[in-house]
């Protein structure tokens, strides 16, 4: 977490992988996770209570992010 925007919004960055992670989240139905920039760094903006589309929990998002990063790491290490 980079900083609190509001009491119910946080920003998260995965550096150069942020946009790819955001796209993968969108494909999996995480429509309330936004993409933006903070201090010239790509970030994900997450609001659980301020967005009527937010129908999942922070724990579920953490699990999904771990799975996505794991998938990306496996794909990056495979020899094709």
Protein backbone atom coordinates (compact mmCIF):
# COMPACT_ATOMS: atom_id res chain seq x y z
CA UNK A 1 0.00 0.00 0.00
CA UNK A 2 1.46 3.35 -1.00
CA UNK A 3 -0.84 5.74 0.82
CA UNK A 4 -4.43 6.36 1.90
CA UNK A 5 -6.40 8.51 -0.52
CA UNK A 6 -9.47 8.49 1.68
CA UNK A 7 -10.44 6.34 4.64
CA UNK A 8 -11.82 3.70 2.27
CA UNK A 9 -9.42 3.97 -0.71
CA UNK A 10 -5.87 2.62 -0.94
CA UNK A 11 -3.32 2.57 -3.73
CA UNK A 12 -1.13 -0.42 -4.51
CA UNK A 13 1.76 -0.69 -6.94
CA UNK A 14 3.54 -3.64 -8.51
CA UNK A 15 5.92 -1.43 -10.46
CA UNK A 16 6.13 -2.26 -14.14
CA UNK A 17 3.73 -5.20 -13.65
CA UNK A 18 0.89 -3.04 -12.33
CA UNK A 19 -0.94 -2.61 -15.67
CA UNK A 20 -0.72 -6.34 -16.45
CA UNK A 21 -2.01 -7.22 -12.98
CA UNK A 22 -4.86 -4.71 -13.38
CA UNK A 23 -5.83 -6.29 -16.71
CA UNK A 24 -5.83 -9.76 -15.18
CA UNK A 25 -7.99 -8.54 -12.28
CA UNK A 26 -10.49 -7.03 -14.75
CA UNK A 27 -10.66 -10.31 -16.65
CA UNK A 28 -11.52 -12.04 -13.39
CA UNK A 29 -14.35 -9.65 -12.55
CA UNK A 30 -12.62 -7.14 -10.28
CA UNK A 31 -14.29 -4.16 -11.97
CA UNK A 32 -14.01 -1.84 -8.98
CA UNK A 33 -10.19 -1.85 -8.97
CA UNK A 34 -9.03 1.21 -10.86
CA UNK A 35 -5.77 2.00 -12.60
CA UNK A 36 -3.96 5.29 -12.20
CA UNK A 37 -0.70 6.99 -11.39
CA UNK A 38 0.80 8.37 -8.18
CA UNK A 39 4.16 10.15 -8.12
CA UNK A 40 4.79 9.00 -11.70
CA UNK A 41 4.28 5.37 -10.70
CA UNK A 42 1.48 3.12 -11.99
CA UNK A 43 -0.94 2.18 -9.22
CA UNK A 44 -4.14 0.30 -8.56
CA UNK A 45 -6.81 2.20 -6.65
CA UNK A 46 -9.08 0.08 -4.46
CA UNK A 47 -12.23 1.20 -2.68
CA UNK A 48 -14.36 -1.39 -0.91
CA UNK A 49 -16.98 0.80 0.76
CA UNK A 50 -17.16 3.80 -1.55
CA UNK A 51 -17.94 1.88 -4.72
CA UNK A 52 -21.31 0.22 -5.27
CA UNK A 53 -19.61 -2.36 -7.52
CA UNK A 54 -17.37 -3.52 -4.64
CA UNK A 55 -18.80 -6.92 -3.84
CA UNK A 56 -15.67 -8.65 -2.54
CA UNK A 57 -13.43 -8.35 0.50
CA UNK A 58 -9.86 -7.20 0.99
CA UNK A 59 -8.91 -10.78 1.89
CA UNK A 60 -10.32 -12.02 -1.42
CA UNK A 61 -8.36 -9.34 -3.30
CA UNK A 62 -5.16 -10.31 -1.49
CA UNK A 63 -5.68 -13.97 -2.42
CA UNK A 64 -6.37 -13.03 -6.04
CA UNK A 65 -3.27 -10.82 -6.22
CA UNK A 66 -1.11 -13.60 -4.80
CA UNK A 67 -2.48 -16.03 -7.39
CA UNK A 68 -1.94 -13.58 -10.27
CA UNK A 69 1.65 -12.81 -9.23
CA UNK A 70 2.30 -16.55 -8.82
CA UNK A 71 0.98 -17.19 -12.35
CA UNK A 72 3.14 -14.41 -13.75
CA UNK A 73 6.24 -15.73 -12.00
CA UNK A 74 5.67 -19.26 -13.29
CA UNK A 75 5.11 -17.97 -16.83
CA UNK A 76 8.30 -15.89 -16.66
CA UNK A 77 10.43 -18.86 -15.61
CA UNK A 78 9.13 -21.39 -18.14
CA UNK A 79 11.28 -22.30 -21.06
CA UNK A 80 9.06 -22.38 -24.13
